[in-house]
N, C-alpha and C. Protein backbone atom coordinates (compact mmCIF):
# COMPACT_ATOMS: atom_id res chain seq x y z
N MET A 1 -29.57 -7.52 -30.33
CA MET A 1 -29.04 -8.74 -29.75
C MET A 1 -27.53 -8.63 -29.52
N LYS A 2 -26.83 -7.95 -30.43
CA LYS A 2 -25.37 -7.87 -30.28
C LYS A 2 -24.97 -7.02 -29.08
N ASN A 3 -25.75 -5.98 -28.77
CA ASN A 3 -25.43 -5.16 -27.61
C ASN A 3 -25.54 -5.96 -26.32
N ILE A 4 -26.54 -6.80 -26.23
CA ILE A 4 -26.71 -7.62 -25.03
C ILE A 4 -25.55 -8.60 -24.88
N GLN A 5 -25.09 -9.16 -25.98
CA GLN A 5 -23.96 -10.09 -25.93
C GLN A 5 -22.69 -9.37 -25.44
N TRP A 6 -22.46 -8.16 -25.91
CA TRP A 6 -21.28 -7.41 -25.48
C TRP A 6 -21.37 -7.05 -24.00
N ILE A 7 -22.55 -6.70 -23.55
CA ILE A 7 -22.73 -6.37 -22.14
C ILE A 7 -22.49 -7.60 -21.26
N VAL A 8 -23.04 -8.73 -21.67
CA VAL A 8 -22.84 -9.97 -20.92
C VAL A 8 -21.37 -10.35 -20.92
N LEU A 9 -20.71 -10.22 -22.07
CA LEU A 9 -19.29 -10.54 -22.16
C LEU A 9 -18.47 -9.61 -21.27
N ALA A 10 -18.79 -8.32 -21.27
CA ALA A 10 -18.06 -7.37 -20.43
C ALA A 10 -18.24 -7.67 -18.95
N VAL A 11 -19.46 -8.01 -18.54
CA VAL A 11 -19.73 -8.34 -17.14
C VAL A 11 -18.99 -9.61 -16.74
N LEU A 12 -18.97 -10.59 -17.61
CA LEU A 12 -18.26 -11.84 -17.31
C LEU A 12 -16.75 -11.61 -17.19
N VAL A 13 -16.19 -10.84 -18.11
CA VAL A 13 -14.75 -10.56 -18.07
C VAL A 13 -14.42 -9.78 -16.80
N TRP A 14 -15.26 -8.78 -16.46
CA TRP A 14 -15.02 -8.00 -15.25
C TRP A 14 -15.09 -8.90 -14.02
N GLY A 15 -16.09 -9.78 -13.98
CA GLY A 15 -16.25 -10.68 -12.85
C GLY A 15 -15.09 -11.63 -12.69
N LEU A 16 -14.62 -12.18 -13.80
CA LEU A 16 -13.46 -13.09 -13.75
C LEU A 16 -12.19 -12.35 -13.32
N ALA A 17 -12.00 -11.14 -13.85
CA ALA A 17 -10.82 -10.36 -13.48
C ALA A 17 -10.86 -9.99 -11.99
N PHE A 18 -12.01 -9.58 -11.51
CA PHE A 18 -12.14 -9.23 -10.09
C PHE A 18 -11.90 -10.46 -9.22
N GLY A 19 -12.52 -11.58 -9.58
CA GLY A 19 -12.35 -12.80 -8.80
C GLY A 19 -10.92 -13.29 -8.80
N SER A 20 -10.24 -13.19 -9.94
CA SER A 20 -8.84 -13.61 -10.02
C SER A 20 -7.96 -12.71 -9.15
N GLY A 21 -8.16 -11.41 -9.23
CA GLY A 21 -7.37 -10.49 -8.42
C GLY A 21 -7.61 -10.69 -6.94
N TYR A 22 -8.84 -10.94 -6.58
CA TYR A 22 -9.17 -11.17 -5.17
C TYR A 22 -8.53 -12.46 -4.68
N ALA A 23 -8.55 -13.50 -5.51
CA ALA A 23 -7.95 -14.78 -5.13
C ALA A 23 -6.44 -14.66 -4.98
N VAL A 24 -5.81 -13.92 -5.87
CA VAL A 24 -4.35 -13.76 -5.80
C VAL A 24 -3.97 -12.94 -4.58
N SER A 25 -4.73 -11.88 -4.29
CA SER A 25 -4.37 -11.03 -3.16
C SER A 25 -4.50 -11.76 -1.83
N ALA A 26 -5.31 -12.78 -1.78
CA ALA A 26 -5.46 -13.54 -0.54
C ALA A 26 -4.22 -14.39 -0.24
N HIS A 27 -3.38 -14.61 -1.24
CA HIS A 27 -2.20 -15.48 -1.06
C HIS A 27 -0.88 -14.73 -1.20
N THR A 28 -0.87 -13.42 -1.03
CA THR A 28 0.37 -12.66 -1.18
C THR A 28 1.25 -12.72 0.05
N GLY A 29 0.69 -13.05 1.20
CA GLY A 29 1.48 -13.12 2.41
C GLY A 29 1.59 -11.80 3.14
N THR A 30 0.91 -10.78 2.66
CA THR A 30 0.93 -9.48 3.33
C THR A 30 0.03 -9.56 4.55
N GLU A 31 0.60 -9.20 5.69
CA GLU A 31 -0.15 -9.29 6.93
C GLU A 31 -1.10 -8.11 7.08
N PRO A 32 -2.22 -8.30 7.74
CA PRO A 32 -3.13 -7.17 7.98
C PRO A 32 -2.43 -6.07 8.77
N GLY A 33 -2.65 -4.84 8.38
CA GLY A 33 -2.03 -3.71 9.05
C GLY A 33 -0.66 -3.36 8.52
N TYR A 34 -0.17 -4.08 7.52
CA TYR A 34 1.17 -3.82 6.99
C TYR A 34 1.27 -2.40 6.42
N PHE A 35 0.27 -1.99 5.66
CA PHE A 35 0.34 -0.69 5.02
C PHE A 35 0.03 0.44 6.00
N GLY A 36 -0.46 0.13 7.16
CA GLY A 36 -0.70 1.15 8.17
C GLY A 36 0.50 1.36 9.08
N ALA A 37 1.52 0.51 8.94
CA ALA A 37 2.69 0.61 9.81
C ALA A 37 3.56 1.79 9.41
N VAL A 38 4.16 2.40 10.39
CA VAL A 38 5.06 3.52 10.13
C VAL A 38 6.44 2.94 9.89
N GLU A 39 6.94 3.07 8.66
CA GLU A 39 8.26 2.53 8.35
C GLU A 39 9.30 3.62 8.21
N ALA A 40 8.87 4.78 7.83
CA ALA A 40 9.74 5.95 7.74
C ALA A 40 8.92 7.13 8.23
N ALA A 41 9.47 8.27 8.16
CA ALA A 41 8.83 9.44 8.77
C ALA A 41 7.66 9.98 7.95
N GLY A 42 7.03 9.18 7.18
CA GLY A 42 5.88 9.63 6.39
C GLY A 42 4.58 9.45 7.13
N TYR A 43 3.58 10.17 6.70
CA TYR A 43 2.22 10.07 7.24
C TYR A 43 2.17 10.28 8.75
N GLY A 44 2.89 11.26 9.21
CA GLY A 44 2.85 11.60 10.63
C GLY A 44 3.71 10.72 11.50
N GLY A 45 4.54 9.90 10.93
CA GLY A 45 5.37 9.00 11.73
C GLY A 45 6.56 9.68 12.35
N GLY A 46 6.81 10.94 12.00
CA GLY A 46 7.96 11.65 12.53
C GLY A 46 7.82 12.03 13.98
N THR A 47 6.67 11.81 14.56
CA THR A 47 6.48 12.19 15.95
C THR A 47 7.08 11.17 16.91
N GLU A 48 7.34 9.98 16.44
CA GLU A 48 7.91 8.94 17.31
C GLU A 48 9.41 9.17 17.46
N GLU A 49 9.93 8.85 18.63
CA GLU A 49 11.36 8.99 18.86
C GLU A 49 12.15 7.92 18.11
N LYS A 50 11.74 6.69 18.26
CA LYS A 50 12.44 5.57 17.64
C LYS A 50 11.44 4.79 16.80
N ILE A 51 11.73 4.66 15.51
CA ILE A 51 10.85 3.94 14.60
C ILE A 51 11.41 2.54 14.42
N GLU A 52 10.57 1.54 14.62
CA GLU A 52 11.02 0.15 14.49
C GLU A 52 11.44 -0.15 13.07
N GLY A 53 12.51 -0.90 12.93
CA GLY A 53 12.94 -1.38 11.63
C GLY A 53 13.89 -0.45 10.89
N LEU A 54 14.20 0.70 11.45
CA LEU A 54 15.13 1.63 10.82
C LEU A 54 16.39 1.75 11.66
N THR A 55 17.51 1.83 10.98
CA THR A 55 18.77 2.00 11.69
C THR A 55 18.88 3.44 12.18
N ASP A 56 19.82 3.67 13.08
CA ASP A 56 20.02 5.02 13.61
C ASP A 56 20.47 5.98 12.52
N GLU A 57 21.27 5.48 11.57
CA GLU A 57 21.74 6.33 10.47
C GLU A 57 20.57 6.82 9.62
N VAL A 58 19.65 5.92 9.31
CA VAL A 58 18.50 6.29 8.50
C VAL A 58 17.59 7.25 9.25
N GLN A 59 17.43 7.02 10.54
CA GLN A 59 16.61 7.93 11.33
C GLN A 59 17.23 9.32 11.40
N ASP A 60 18.55 9.38 11.54
CA ASP A 60 19.22 10.68 11.54
C ASP A 60 19.05 11.38 10.19
N TYR A 61 19.08 10.62 9.12
CA TYR A 61 18.86 11.18 7.79
C TYR A 61 17.47 11.80 7.68
N TYR A 62 16.45 11.09 8.14
CA TYR A 62 15.09 11.61 8.07
C TYR A 62 14.90 12.82 8.99
N LYS A 63 15.56 12.81 10.16
CA LYS A 63 15.48 13.97 11.04
C LYS A 63 16.13 15.18 10.38
N GLY A 64 17.22 14.95 9.65
CA GLY A 64 17.87 16.04 8.93
C GLY A 64 16.99 16.61 7.83
N LEU A 65 16.19 15.78 7.21
CA LEU A 65 15.28 16.26 6.18
C LEU A 65 14.16 17.12 6.77
N GLN A 66 13.77 16.83 8.00
CA GLN A 66 12.69 17.58 8.62
C GLN A 66 13.13 18.94 9.12
N GLU A 67 14.41 19.12 9.37
CA GLU A 67 14.90 20.40 9.88
C GLU A 67 14.80 21.45 8.79
N THR A 68 14.42 22.64 9.17
CA THR A 68 14.30 23.74 8.21
C THR A 68 15.49 24.67 8.34
N ASP A 69 15.80 25.36 7.27
CA ASP A 69 16.89 26.34 7.28
C ASP A 69 16.32 27.70 7.62
N GLU A 70 16.27 28.02 8.88
CA GLU A 70 15.70 29.30 9.31
C GLU A 70 16.75 30.21 9.83
């Protein structure tokens, strides 16, 4: 009987934690596609000439990091 109580308790706690996290994430204000946006030269974003939201100084810095010493 005690094993069943622990299993039920674990399932209830997991369900409440999942539901709470899901409810909180719905109100964070993060727009869909935010994490897919290219903000710096990561994840293949270095192919673009001008990246939105970055100053020219920052873009020059990232271009300098991509250059190799050959």
